[in-house]
């Protein structure tokens, strides 16, 4: 959504919050409908979504860290 806001040059926080409903679906949309009264800024929503759903890239980072492990000694 950050990319969408940049491309469309949306800077107004109230507009950003309005667009959340248009840009989400299914479980995320239900979460937003239940929680939108709590937030006044997009940055707060983004942080709450990451807390609720986790960081999308965190699993990739953990996987890459494991794959990058190398045995350096004998067993």
N, C-alpha and C. Protein backbone atom coordinates (compact mmCIF):
# COMPACT_ATOMS: atom_id res chain seq x y z
N UNK A 1 0.81 -1.18 0.00
CA UNK A 1 0.00 0.00 0.00
C UNK A 1 0.87 1.26 0.00
N UNK A 2 2.04 1.17 0.61
CA UNK A 2 2.93 2.33 0.57
C UNK A 2 3.24 2.72 -0.87
N UNK A 3 3.50 1.72 -1.70
CA UNK A 3 3.78 1.98 -3.12
C UNK A 3 2.58 2.64 -3.79
N UNK A 4 1.38 2.16 -3.49
CA UNK A 4 0.17 2.75 -4.05
C UNK A 4 0.05 4.22 -3.65
N UNK A 5 0.31 4.52 -2.39
CA UNK A 5 0.22 5.90 -1.93
C UNK A 5 1.25 6.79 -2.61
N UNK A 6 2.42 6.25 -2.89
CA UNK A 6 3.45 7.02 -3.58
C UNK A 6 3.04 7.28 -5.03
N UNK A 7 2.60 6.22 -5.71
CA UNK A 7 2.21 6.35 -7.11
C UNK A 7 1.05 7.32 -7.30
N UNK A 8 0.08 7.24 -6.42
CA UNK A 8 -1.11 8.09 -6.55
C UNK A 8 -0.94 9.43 -5.85
N UNK A 9 0.22 9.63 -5.23
CA UNK A 9 0.55 10.87 -4.53
C UNK A 9 -0.46 11.21 -3.43
N UNK A 10 -0.92 10.18 -2.75
CA UNK A 10 -1.82 10.38 -1.63
C UNK A 10 -0.98 10.66 -0.40
N UNK A 11 -1.14 11.81 0.17
CA UNK A 11 -0.36 12.21 1.33
C UNK A 11 -1.25 12.41 2.56
N UNK A 12 -2.49 12.69 2.36
CA UNK A 12 -3.43 12.95 3.44
C UNK A 12 -3.73 11.66 4.21
N UNK A 13 -3.54 11.70 5.52
CA UNK A 13 -3.74 10.51 6.34
C UNK A 13 -5.18 10.00 6.27
N UNK A 14 -6.15 10.88 6.24
CA UNK A 14 -7.54 10.46 6.18
C UNK A 14 -7.83 9.72 4.87
N UNK A 15 -7.25 10.20 3.78
CA UNK A 15 -7.42 9.50 2.50
C UNK A 15 -6.76 8.13 2.53
N UNK A 16 -5.59 8.04 3.13
CA UNK A 16 -4.91 6.75 3.23
C UNK A 16 -5.77 5.75 3.99
N UNK A 17 -6.36 6.19 5.09
CA UNK A 17 -7.20 5.30 5.88
C UNK A 17 -8.44 4.88 5.10
N UNK A 18 -8.96 5.75 4.27
CA UNK A 18 -10.11 5.42 3.44
C UNK A 18 -9.74 4.36 2.41
N UNK A 19 -8.58 4.46 1.83
CA UNK A 19 -8.14 3.52 0.80
C UNK A 19 -7.82 2.13 1.35
N UNK A 20 -7.57 2.02 2.63
CA UNK A 20 -7.28 0.70 3.20
C UNK A 20 -8.41 -0.27 2.90
N UNK A 21 -9.63 0.19 3.04
CA UNK A 21 -10.77 -0.68 2.80
C UNK A 21 -10.86 -1.12 1.34
N UNK A 22 -10.41 -0.27 0.44
CA UNK A 22 -10.43 -0.61 -0.98
C UNK A 22 -9.30 -1.55 -1.37
N UNK A 23 -8.22 -1.55 -0.61
CA UNK A 23 -7.03 -2.30 -0.98
C UNK A 23 -6.85 -3.61 -0.22
N UNK A 24 -7.75 -3.91 0.69
CA UNK A 24 -7.64 -5.15 1.44
C UNK A 24 -8.81 -6.06 1.13
N UNK A 25 -8.66 -7.32 1.48
CA UNK A 25 -9.74 -8.28 1.24
C UNK A 25 -9.69 -9.39 2.29
N UNK A 26 -10.73 -10.15 2.34
CA UNK A 26 -10.87 -11.31 3.21
C UNK A 26 -10.53 -10.99 4.66
N UNK A 27 -9.63 -11.77 5.27
CA UNK A 27 -9.34 -11.62 6.69
C UNK A 27 -8.79 -10.24 7.04
N UNK A 28 -7.93 -9.70 6.18
CA UNK A 28 -7.36 -8.37 6.45
C UNK A 28 -8.45 -7.30 6.43
N UNK A 29 -9.40 -7.42 5.53
CA UNK A 29 -10.51 -6.46 5.47
C UNK A 29 -11.37 -6.57 6.73
N UNK A 30 -11.64 -7.78 7.17
CA UNK A 30 -12.42 -7.97 8.40
C UNK A 30 -11.68 -7.39 9.60
N UNK A 31 -10.37 -7.59 9.64
CA UNK A 31 -9.56 -7.01 10.72
C UNK A 31 -9.69 -5.49 10.70
N UNK A 32 -9.58 -4.91 9.52
CA UNK A 32 -9.65 -3.45 9.40
C UNK A 32 -11.01 -2.93 9.85
N UNK A 33 -12.08 -3.57 9.42
CA UNK A 33 -13.42 -3.12 9.80
C UNK A 33 -13.62 -3.17 11.32
N UNK A 34 -13.04 -4.17 11.96
CA UNK A 34 -13.18 -4.31 13.41
C UNK A 34 -12.29 -3.35 14.19
N UNK A 35 -11.23 -2.85 13.56
CA UNK A 35 -10.23 -2.06 14.29
C UNK A 35 -10.04 -0.63 13.80
N UNK A 36 -10.69 -0.23 12.74
CA UNK A 36 -10.40 1.08 12.15
C UNK A 36 -10.63 2.25 13.09
N UNK A 37 -11.51 2.10 14.05
CA UNK A 37 -11.78 3.19 14.99
C UNK A 37 -10.58 3.50 15.88
N UNK A 38 -9.60 2.62 15.93
CA UNK A 38 -8.44 2.78 16.80
C UNK A 38 -7.32 3.63 16.18
N UNK A 39 -7.38 3.87 14.88
CA UNK A 39 -6.22 4.44 14.19
C UNK A 39 -6.53 5.77 13.52
N UNK A 40 -5.54 6.66 13.60
CA UNK A 40 -5.65 7.97 12.97
C UNK A 40 -4.62 8.17 11.86
N UNK A 41 -3.62 7.28 11.79
CA UNK A 41 -2.55 7.42 10.80
C UNK A 41 -2.20 6.07 10.18
N UNK A 42 -1.79 6.11 8.92
CA UNK A 42 -1.42 4.91 8.20
C UNK A 42 -0.26 4.18 8.88
N UNK A 43 0.71 4.92 9.39
CA UNK A 43 1.87 4.28 10.03
C UNK A 43 1.44 3.42 11.23
N UNK A 44 0.42 3.87 11.96
CA UNK A 44 -0.10 3.08 13.09
C UNK A 44 -0.76 1.79 12.58
N UNK A 45 -1.51 1.91 11.49
CA UNK A 45 -2.19 0.75 10.92
C UNK A 45 -1.16 -0.26 10.43
N UNK A 46 -0.14 0.23 9.74
CA UNK A 46 0.90 -0.65 9.20
C UNK A 46 1.60 -1.41 10.31
N UNK A 47 1.91 -0.73 11.39
CA UNK A 47 2.57 -1.38 12.53
C UNK A 47 1.64 -2.42 13.17
N UNK A 48 0.37 -2.09 13.30
CA UNK A 48 -0.59 -3.03 13.89
C UNK A 48 -0.78 -4.26 13.00
N UNK A 49 -0.82 -4.06 11.69
CA UNK A 49 -0.95 -5.19 10.77
C UNK A 49 0.25 -6.11 10.86
N UNK A 50 1.43 -5.53 10.95
CA UNK A 50 2.65 -6.34 11.08
C UNK A 50 2.64 -7.11 12.40
N UNK A 51 2.14 -6.48 13.45
CA UNK A 51 2.04 -7.16 14.73
C UNK A 51 1.04 -8.30 14.70
N UNK A 52 -0.06 -8.09 13.99
CA UNK A 52 -1.12 -9.09 13.93
C UNK A 52 -0.77 -10.25 13.00
N UNK A 53 -0.24 -9.91 11.83
CA UNK A 53 0.05 -10.94 10.81
C UNK A 53 1.51 -11.35 10.75
N UNK A 54 2.38 -10.58 11.37
CA UNK A 54 3.81 -10.85 11.28
C UNK A 54 4.38 -10.15 10.06
N UNK A 55 5.68 -10.06 10.04
CA UNK A 55 6.37 -9.42 8.92
C UNK A 55 6.52 -10.43 7.80
N UNK A 56 6.04 -10.09 6.62
CA UNK A 56 6.07 -10.97 5.46
C UNK A 56 7.47 -11.48 5.16
N UNK A 57 8.46 -10.63 5.31
CA UNK A 57 9.82 -10.99 4.93
C UNK A 57 10.57 -11.72 6.04
N UNK A 58 10.03 -11.77 7.23
CA UNK A 58 10.73 -12.40 8.35
C UNK A 58 10.96 -13.89 8.10
N UNK A 59 9.96 -14.59 7.56
CA UNK A 59 10.13 -16.03 7.28
C UNK A 59 11.21 -16.25 6.24
N UNK A 60 11.25 -15.43 5.21
CA UNK A 60 12.30 -15.54 4.19
C UNK A 60 13.68 -15.32 4.80
N UNK A 61 13.79 -14.33 5.68
CA UNK A 61 15.07 -14.05 6.30
C UNK A 61 15.51 -15.23 7.15
N UNK A 62 14.59 -15.80 7.93
CA UNK A 62 14.93 -16.95 8.77
C UNK A 62 15.37 -18.12 7.91
N UNK A 63 14.66 -18.38 6.82
CA UNK A 63 15.02 -19.47 5.91
C UNK A 63 16.41 -19.23 5.32
N UNK A 64 16.65 -18.02 4.85
CA UNK A 64 17.96 -17.71 4.26
C UNK A 64 19.08 -17.82 5.28
N UNK A 65 18.81 -17.44 6.53
CA UNK A 65 19.82 -17.58 7.58
C UNK A 65 20.16 -19.05 7.80
N UNK A 66 19.15 -19.91 7.80
CA UNK A 66 19.38 -21.34 8.00
C UNK A 66 20.15 -21.93 6.82
N UNK A 67 19.76 -21.59 5.62
CA UNK A 67 20.42 -22.11 4.43
C UNK A 67 21.88 -21.66 4.38
N UNK A 68 22.15 -20.48 4.90
CA UNK A 68 23.51 -19.94 4.85
C UNK A 68 24.44 -20.56 5.89
N UNK A 69 23.90 -21.33 6.82
CA UNK A 69 24.75 -21.97 7.82
C UNK A 69 25.72 -22.95 7.18
N UNK A 70 26.95 -22.93 7.63
CA UNK A 70 27.99 -23.84 7.11
C UNK A 70 28.67 -24.52 8.28
N UNK A 71 28.89 -25.80 8.14
CA UNK A 71 29.62 -26.53 9.18
C UNK A 71 31.09 -26.19 9.04
N UNK A 72 31.70 -25.80 10.15
CA UNK A 72 33.10 -25.38 10.10
C UNK A 72 34.03 -26.38 10.77
N UNK A 73 33.50 -27.31 11.51
CA UNK A 73 34.34 -28.28 12.19
C UNK A 73 33.83 -29.69 11.95
N UNK A 74 34.43 -30.64 12.61
CA UNK A 74 33.98 -32.03 12.46
C UNK A 74 32.94 -32.36 13.51
N UNK A 75 32.18 -33.38 13.23
CA UNK A 75 31.12 -33.79 14.16
C UNK A 75 31.64 -34.85 15.08
